[in-house]
Amino acid sequence: MLQLLARGLTNKEIAERLVISRRTAAHHVEHIYAKTGTTNRALASLFAANHGLIQDPAADISQGQAGSRSTGHASR
């Protein structure tokens, strides 16, 4: 979830990618803010980058994981 957020996807796009409702995606985003001590997408993305939580999208494709449902939780 955090990886998708950090890549700039909207809640709607995250919901579609993970096959969940937009409201559920928004709920998860709020939890990410709480867990990372951030208040917006930019700061959450910076947190992810600083903690090595953002993967290169090209690596997903080369490993055959383009449709992966990895959550990318901040607690990793």
PDB file of N, CA and C in Angstrom:
ATOM      1  N   MET A   1       0.824  -1.181   0.000  1.00  0.00           N
ATOM      2  CA  MET A   1       0.000   0.000   0.000  1.00  0.00           C
ATOM      3  C   MET A   1       0.876   1.256   0.000  1.00  0.00           C
ATOM      4  N   LEU A   2       1.867   1.290   0.876  1.00  0.00           N
ATOM      5  CA  LEU A   2       2.747   2.455   0.945  1.00  0.00           C
ATOM      6  C   LEU A   2       3.519   2.642  -0.355  1.00  0.00           C
ATOM      7  N   GLN A   3       3.922   1.570  -0.980  1.00  0.00           N
ATOM      8  CA  GLN A   3       4.638   1.681  -2.254  1.00  0.00           C
ATOM      9  C   GLN A   3       3.750   2.327  -3.314  1.00  0.00           C
ATOM     10  N   LEU A   4       2.504   1.940  -3.365  1.00  0.00           N
ATOM     11  CA  LEU A   4       1.577   2.514  -4.345  1.00  0.00           C
ATOM     12  C   LEU A   4       1.342   3.987  -4.057  1.00  0.00           C
ATOM     13  N   LEU A   5       1.174   4.316  -2.789  1.00  0.00           N
ATOM     14  CA  LEU A   5       0.997   5.702  -2.386  1.00  0.00           C
ATOM     15  C   LEU A   5       2.223   6.518  -2.786  1.00  0.00           C
ATOM     16  N   ALA A   6       3.409   5.977  -2.514  1.00  0.00           N
ATOM     17  CA  ALA A   6       4.654   6.677  -2.821  1.00  0.00           C
ATOM     18  C   ALA A   6       4.865   6.844  -4.326  1.00  0.00           C
ATOM     19  N   ARG A   7       4.289   5.972  -5.108  1.00  0.00           N
ATOM     20  CA  ARG A   7       4.388   6.089  -6.568  1.00  0.00           C
ATOM     21  C   ARG A   7       3.429   7.124  -7.119  1.00  0.00           C
ATOM     22  N   GLY A   8       2.612   7.726  -6.245  1.00  0.00           N
ATOM     23  CA  GLY A   8       1.728   8.807  -6.666  1.00  0.00           C
ATOM     24  C   GLY A   8       0.327   8.383  -7.033  1.00  0.00           C
ATOM     25  N   LEU A   9      -0.045   7.140  -6.757  1.00  0.00           N
ATOM     26  CA  LEU A   9      -1.393   6.701  -7.080  1.00  0.00           C
ATOM     27  C   LEU A   9      -2.411   7.337  -6.132  1.00  0.00           C
ATOM     28  N   THR A  10      -3.584   7.635  -6.657  1.00  0.00           N
ATOM     29  CA  THR A  10      -4.682   8.162  -5.852  1.00  0.00           C
ATOM     30  C   THR A  10      -5.331   7.020  -5.083  1.00  0.00           C
ATOM     31  N   ASN A  11      -6.189   7.357  -4.124  1.00  0.00           N
ATOM     32  CA  ASN A  11      -6.915   6.309  -3.401  1.00  0.00           C
ATOM     33  C   ASN A  11      -7.735   5.456  -4.364  1.00  0.00           C
ATOM     34  N   LYS A  12      -8.331   6.088  -5.356  1.00  0.00           N
ATOM     35  CA  LYS A  12      -9.118   5.349  -6.343  1.00  0.00           C
ATOM     36  C   LYS A  12      -8.237   4.365  -7.115  1.00  0.00           C
ATOM     37  N   GLU A  13      -7.065   4.822  -7.539  1.00  0.00           N
ATOM     38  CA  GLU A  13      -6.156   3.955  -8.294  1.00  0.00           C
ATOM     39  C   GLU A  13      -5.618   2.827  -7.425  1.00  0.00           C
ATOM     40  N   ILE A  14      -5.321   3.127  -6.165  1.00  0.00           N
ATOM     41  CA  ILE A  14      -4.865   2.089  -5.231  1.00  0.00           C
ATOM     42  C   ILE A  14      -5.963   1.059  -5.042  1.00  0.00           C
ATOM     43  N   ALA A  15      -7.187   1.530  -4.853  1.00  0.00           N
ATOM     44  CA  ALA A  15      -8.323   0.629  -4.655  1.00  0.00           C
ATOM     45  C   ALA A  15      -8.500  -0.293  -5.855  1.00  0.00           C
ATOM     46  N   GLU A  16      -8.418   0.258  -7.046  1.00  0.00           N
ATOM     47  CA  GLU A  16      -8.558  -0.555  -8.255  1.00  0.00           C
ATOM     48  C   GLU A  16      -7.429  -1.570  -8.363  1.00  0.00           C
ATOM     49  N   ARG A  17      -6.207  -1.155  -8.070  1.00  0.00           N
ATOM     50  CA  ARG A  17      -5.044  -2.043  -8.168  1.00  0.00           C
ATOM     51  C   ARG A  17      -5.144  -3.201  -7.178  1.00  0.00           C
ATOM     52  N   LEU A  18      -5.636  -2.915  -5.948  1.00  0.00           N
ATOM     53  CA  LEU A  18      -5.687  -3.937  -4.900  1.00  0.00           C
ATOM     54  C   LEU A  18      -7.037  -4.630  -4.799  1.00  0.00           C
ATOM     55  N   VAL A  19      -7.968  -4.222  -5.653  1.00  0.00           N
ATOM     56  CA  VAL A  19      -9.328  -4.780  -5.678  1.00  0.00           C
ATOM     57  C   VAL A  19      -9.977  -4.640  -4.289  1.00  0.00           C
ATOM     58  N   ILE A  20      -9.971  -3.409  -3.804  1.00  0.00           N
ATOM     59  CA  ILE A  20     -10.644  -3.054  -2.560  1.00  0.00           C
ATOM     60  C   ILE A  20     -11.455  -1.790  -2.834  1.00  0.00           C
ATOM     61  N   SER A  21     -12.302  -1.403  -1.892  1.00  0.00           N
ATOM     62  CA  SER A  21     -13.086  -0.191  -2.099  1.00  0.00           C
ATOM     63  C   SER A  21     -12.222   1.043  -1.900  1.00  0.00           C
ATOM     64  N   ARG A  22     -12.659   2.145  -2.484  1.00  0.00           N
ATOM     65  CA  ARG A  22     -11.945   3.407  -2.338  1.00  0.00           C
ATOM     66  C   ARG A  22     -11.909   3.817  -0.859  1.00  0.00           C
ATOM     67  N   ARG A  23     -12.994   3.559  -0.151  1.00  0.00           N
ATOM     68  CA  ARG A  23     -13.061   3.895   1.269  1.00  0.00           C
ATOM     69  C   ARG A  23     -12.047   3.070   2.082  1.00  0.00           C
ATOM     70  N   THR A  24     -11.899   1.797   1.746  1.00  0.00           N
ATOM     71  CA  THR A  24     -10.922   0.951   2.426  1.00  0.00           C
ATOM     72  C   THR A  24      -9.508   1.449   2.134  1.00  0.00           C
ATOM     73  N   ALA A  25      -9.252   1.838   0.902  1.00  0.00           N
ATOM     74  CA  ALA A  25      -7.934   2.379   0.552  1.00  0.00           C
ATOM     75  C   ALA A  25      -7.650   3.639   1.358  1.00  0.00           C
ATOM     76  N   ALA A  26      -8.639   4.518   1.462  1.00  0.00           N
ATOM     77  CA  ALA A  26      -8.468   5.755   2.230  1.00  0.00           C
ATOM     78  C   ALA A  26      -8.193   5.443   3.696  1.00  0.00           C
ATOM     79  N   HIS A  27      -8.877   4.443   4.220  1.00  0.00           N
ATOM     80  CA  HIS A  27      -8.677   4.022   5.611  1.00  0.00           C
ATOM     81  C   HIS A  27      -7.232   3.545   5.816  1.00  0.00           C
ATOM     82  N   HIS A  28      -6.734   2.750   4.901  1.00  0.00           N
ATOM     83  CA  HIS A  28      -5.359   2.257   4.990  1.00  0.00           C
ATOM     84  C   HIS A  28      -4.355   3.405   4.888  1.00  0.00           C
ATOM     85  N   VAL A  29      -4.622   4.362   4.016  1.00  0.00           N
ATOM     86  CA  VAL A  29      -3.730   5.515   3.875  1.00  0.00           C
ATOM     87  C   VAL A  29      -3.666   6.280   5.201  1.00  0.00           C
ATOM     88  N   GLU A  30      -4.796   6.470   5.850  1.00  0.00           N
ATOM     89  CA  GLU A  30      -4.811   7.158   7.143  1.00  0.00           C
ATOM     90  C   GLU A  30      -3.997   6.381   8.185  1.00  0.00           C
ATOM     91  N   HIS A  31      -4.076   5.061   8.140  1.00  0.00           N
ATOM     92  CA  HIS A  31      -3.287   4.236   9.062  1.00  0.00           C
ATOM     93  C   HIS A  31      -1.793   4.365   8.768  1.00  0.00           C
ATOM     94  N   ILE A  32      -1.450   4.470   7.495  1.00  0.00           N
ATOM     95  CA  ILE A  32      -0.042   4.671   7.125  1.00  0.00           C
ATOM     96  C   ILE A  32       0.453   5.982   7.707  1.00  0.00           C
ATOM     97  N   TYR A  33      -0.353   7.040   7.594  1.00  0.00           N
ATOM     98  CA  TYR A  33       0.038   8.327   8.173  1.00  0.00           C
ATOM     99  C   TYR A  33       0.295   8.181   9.668  1.00  0.00           C
ATOM    100  N   ALA A  34      -0.594   7.484  10.352  1.00  0.00           N
ATOM    101  CA  ALA A  34      -0.449   7.313  11.803  1.00  0.00           C
ATOM    102  C   ALA A  34       0.803   6.497  12.142  1.00  0.00           C
ATOM    103  N   LYS A  35       1.043   5.420  11.407  1.00  0.00           N
ATOM    104  CA  LYS A  35       2.197   4.555  11.689  1.00  0.00           C
ATOM    105  C   LYS A  35       3.524   5.221  11.368  1.00  0.00           C
ATOM    106  N   THR A  36       3.523   6.083  10.370  1.00  0.00           N
ATOM    107  CA  THR A  36       4.774   6.714   9.961  1.00  0.00           C
ATOM    108  C   THR A  36       4.969   8.085  10.612  1.00  0.00           C
ATOM    109  N   GLY A  37       3.959   8.549  11.330  1.00  0.00           N
ATOM    110  CA  GLY A  37       4.050   9.857  11.962  1.00  0.00           C
ATOM    111  C   GLY A  37       4.012  10.992  10.956  1.00  0.00           C
ATOM    112  N   THR A  38       3.320  10.774   9.853  1.00  0.00           N
ATOM    113  CA  THR A  38       3.216  11.776   8.798  1.00  0.00           C
ATOM    114  C   THR A  38       1.774  12.268   8.694  1.00  0.00           C
ATOM    115  N   THR A  39       1.576  13.304   7.892  1.00  0.00           N
ATOM    116  CA  THR A  39       0.240  13.879   7.764  1.00  0.00           C
ATOM    117  C   THR A  39      -0.244  13.998   6.326  1.00  0.00           C
ATOM    118  N   ASN A  40       0.606  13.614   5.367  1.00  0.00           N
ATOM    119  CA  ASN A  40       0.185  13.711   3.971  1.00  0.00           C
ATOM    120  C   ASN A  40       1.000  12.754   3.095  1.00  0.00           C
ATOM    121  N   ARG A  41       0.601  12.657   1.835  1.00  0.00           N
ATOM    122  CA  ARG A  41       1.231  11.722   0.902  1.00  0.00           C
ATOM    123  C   ARG A  41       2.706  12.031   0.672  1.00  0.00           C
ATOM    124  N   ALA A  42       3.031  13.302   0.585  1.00  0.00           N
ATOM    125  CA  ALA A  42       4.421  13.673   0.322  1.00  0.00           C
ATOM    126  C   ALA A  42       5.327  13.212   1.461  1.00  0.00           C
ATOM    127  N   LEU A  43       4.906  13.461   2.694  1.00  0.00           N
ATOM    128  CA  LEU A  43       5.719  13.056   3.841  1.00  0.00           C
ATOM    129  C   LEU A  43       5.767  11.537   3.987  1.00  0.00           C
ATOM    130  N   ALA A  44       4.656  10.865   3.706  1.00  0.00           N
ATOM    131  CA  ALA A  44       4.644   9.403   3.768  1.00  0.00           C
ATOM    132  C   ALA A  44       5.573   8.821   2.697  1.00  0.00           C
ATOM    133  N   SER A  45       5.591   9.443   1.525  1.00  0.00           N
ATOM    134  CA  SER A  45       6.486   9.001   0.450  1.00  0.00           C
ATOM    135  C   SER A  45       7.942   9.212   0.840  1.00  0.00           C
ATOM    136  N   LEU A  46       8.230  10.340   1.478  1.00  0.00           N
ATOM    137  CA  LEU A  46       9.582  10.612   1.944  1.00  0.00           C
ATOM    138  C   LEU A  46       9.994   9.589   3.001  1.00  0.00           C
ATOM    139  N   PHE A  47       9.090   9.263   3.908  1.00  0.00           N
ATOM    140  CA  PHE A  47       9.346   8.236   4.914  1.00  0.00           C
ATOM    141  C   PHE A  47       9.702   6.913   4.231  1.00  0.00           C
ATOM    142  N   ALA A  48       8.901   6.529   3.241  1.00  0.00           N
ATOM    143  CA  ALA A  48       9.136   5.275   2.521  1.00  0.00           C
ATOM    144  C   ALA A  48      10.506   5.280   1.845  1.00  0.00           C
ATOM    145  N   ALA A  49      10.845   6.380   1.212  1.00  0.00           N
ATOM    146  CA  ALA A  49      12.142   6.476   0.525  1.00  0.00           C
ATOM    147  C   ALA A  49      13.293   6.399   1.528  1.00  0.00           C
ATOM    148  N   ASN A  50      13.165   7.092   2.638  1.00  0.00           N
ATOM    149  CA  ASN A  50      14.225   7.112   3.652  1.00  0.00           C
ATOM    150  C   ASN A  50      14.422   5.764   4.333  1.00  0.00           C
ATOM    151  N   HIS A  51      13.398   4.924   4.303  1.00  0.00           N
ATOM    152  CA  HIS A  51      13.481   3.619   4.957  1.00  0.00           C
ATOM    153  C   HIS A  51      13.605   2.458   3.965  1.00  0.00           C
ATOM    154  N   GLY A  52      13.899   2.786   2.713  1.00  0.00           N
ATOM    155  CA  GLY A  52      14.121   1.752   1.698  1.00  0.00           C
ATOM    156  C   GLY A  52      12.891   0.921   1.382  1.00  0.00           C
ATOM    157  N   LEU A  53      11.717   1.528   1.463  1.00  0.00           N
ATOM    158  CA  LEU A  53      10.478   0.780   1.254  1.00  0.00           C
ATOM    159  C   LEU A  53       9.906   0.917  -0.152  1.00  0.00           C
ATOM    160  N   ILE A  54      10.571   1.681  -0.986  1.00  0.00           N
ATOM    161  CA  ILE A  54      10.077   1.879  -2.352  1.00  0.00           C
ATOM    162  C   ILE A  54      10.900   1.010  -3.291  1.00  0.00           C
ATOM    163  N   GLN A  55      10.205   0.150  -4.032  1.00  0.00           N
ATOM    164  CA  GLN A  55      10.870  -0.696  -5.014  1.00  0.00           C
ATOM    165  C   GLN A  55      10.746  -0.071  -6.384  1.00  0.00           C
ATOM    166  N   ASP A  56      11.702  -0.376  -7.234  1.00  0.00           N
ATOM    167  CA  ASP A  56      11.661   0.068  -8.615  1.00  0.00           C
ATOM    168  C   ASP A  56      10.545  -0.693  -9.330  1.00  0.00           C
ATOM    169  N   PRO A  57       9.565   0.006  -9.940  1.00  0.00           N
ATOM    170  CA  PRO A  57       8.478  -0.690 -10.654  1.00  0.00           C
ATOM    171  C   PRO A  57       8.996  -1.625 -11.736  1.00  0.00           C
ATOM    172  N   ALA A  58      10.122  -1.306 -12.359  1.00  0.00           N
ATOM    173  CA  ALA A  58      10.691  -2.167 -13.398  1.00  0.00           C
ATOM    174  C   ALA A  58      11.133  -3.500 -12.807  1.00  0.00           C
ATOM    175  N   ALA A  59      11.543  -3.491 -11.542  1.00  0.00           N
ATOM    176  CA  ALA A  59      11.957  -4.739 -10.900  1.00  0.00           C
ATOM    177  C   ALA A  59      10.765  -5.666 -10.723  1.00  0.00           C
ATOM    178  N   ASP A  60       9.585  -5.099 -10.446  1.00  0.00           N
ATOM    179  CA  ASP A  60       8.374  -5.904 -10.310  1.00  0.00           C
ATOM    180  C   ASP A  60       8.076  -6.641 -11.613  1.00  0.00           C
ATOM    181  N   ILE A  61       8.198  -5.930 -12.717  1.00  0.00           N
ATOM    182  CA  ILE A  61       7.887  -6.520 -14.020  1.00  0.00           C
ATOM    183  C   ILE A  61       8.924  -7.578 -14.379  1.00  0.00           C
ATOM    184  N   SER A  62      10.198  -7.285 -14.144  1.00  0.00           N
ATOM    185  CA  SER A  62      11.240  -8.234 -14.512  1.00  0.00           C
ATOM    186  C   SER A  62      11.163  -9.507 -13.675  1.00  0.00           C
ATOM    187  N   GLN A  63      10.584  -9.424 -12.487  1.00  0.00           N
ATOM    188  CA  GLN A  63      10.444 -10.591 -11.629  1.00  0.00           C
ATOM    189  C   GLN A  63       9.084 -11.261 -11.791  1.00  0.00           C
ATOM    190  N   GLY A  64       8.274 -10.751 -12.748  1.00  0.00           N
ATOM    191  CA  GLY A  64       6.969 -11.346 -12.994  1.00  0.00           C
ATOM    192  C   GLY A  64       5.964 -11.048 -11.906  1.00  0.00           C
ATOM    193  N   GLN A  65       6.134  -9.933 -11.215  1.00  0.00           N
ATOM    194  CA  GLN A  65       5.239  -9.597 -10.118  1.00  0.00           C
ATOM    195  C   GLN A  65       4.422  -8.347 -10.408  1.00  0.00           C
ATOM    196  N   ALA A  66       4.167  -8.048 -11.652  1.00  0.00           N
ATOM    197  CA  ALA A  66       3.446  -6.826 -11.998  1.00  0.00           C
ATOM    198  C   ALA A  66       2.081  -6.780 -11.342  1.00  0.00           C
ATOM    199  N   GLY A  67       1.438  -7.900 -11.136  1.00  0.00           N
ATOM    200  CA  GLY A  67       0.122  -7.935 -10.519  1.00  0.00           C
ATOM    201  C   GLY A  67       0.172  -8.272  -9.051  1.00  0.00           C
ATOM    202  N   SER A  68       1.340  -8.165  -8.442  1.00  0.00           N
ATOM    203  CA  SER A  68       1.505  -8.514  -7.031  1.00  0.00           C
ATOM    204  C   SER A  68       0.624  -7.666  -6.157  1.00  0.00           C
ATOM    205  N   ARG A  69       0.113  -8.281  -5.072  1.00  0.00           N
ATOM    206  CA  ARG A  69      -0.724  -7.552  -4.140  1.00  0.00           C
ATOM    207  C   ARG A  69       0.049  -7.245  -2.855  1.00  0.00           C
ATOM    208  N   SER A  70       1.353  -7.002  -3.001  1.00  0.00           N
ATOM    209  CA  SER A  70       2.180  -6.663  -1.841  1.00  0.00           C
ATOM    210  C   SER A  70       1.657  -5.402  -1.196  1.00  0.00           C
ATOM    211  N   THR A  71       1.581  -5.389   0.131  1.00  0.00           N
ATOM    212  CA  THR A  71       1.020  -4.253   0.828  1.00  0.00           C
ATOM    213  C   THR A  71       2.022  -3.170   1.108  1.00  0.00           C
ATOM    214  N   GLY A  72       3.285  -3.519   1.232  1.00  0.00           N
ATOM    215  CA  GLY A  72       4.291  -2.518   1.475  1.00  0.00           C
ATOM    216  C   GLY A  72       4.075  -1.780   2.790  1.00  0.00           C
ATOM    217  N   HIS A  73       3.592  -2.471   3.806  1.00  0.00           N
ATOM    218  CA  HIS A  73       3.323  -1.845   5.089  1.00  0.00           C
ATOM    219  C   HIS A  73       4.558  -1.172   5.653  1.00  0.00           C
ATOM    220  N   ALA A  74       4.342  -0.059   6.298  1.00  0.00           N
ATOM    221  CA  ALA A  74       5.441   0.697   6.886  1.00  0.00           C
ATOM    222  C   ALA A  74       6.108  -0.058   8.019  1.00  0.00           C
ATOM    223  N   SER A  75       5.448  -1.051   8.562  1.00  0.00           N
ATOM    224  CA  SER A  75       5.999  -1.768   9.709  1.00  0.00           C
ATOM    225  C   SER A  75       7.050  -2.799   9.337  1.00  0.00           C
ATOM    226  N   ARG A  76       7.311  -2.960   8.054  1.00  0.00           N
ATOM    227  CA  ARG A  76       8.314  -3.929   7.619  1.00  0.00           C
ATOM    228  C   ARG A  76       9.675  -3.548   8.067  1.00  0.00           C
TER     229      ARG A  76
END
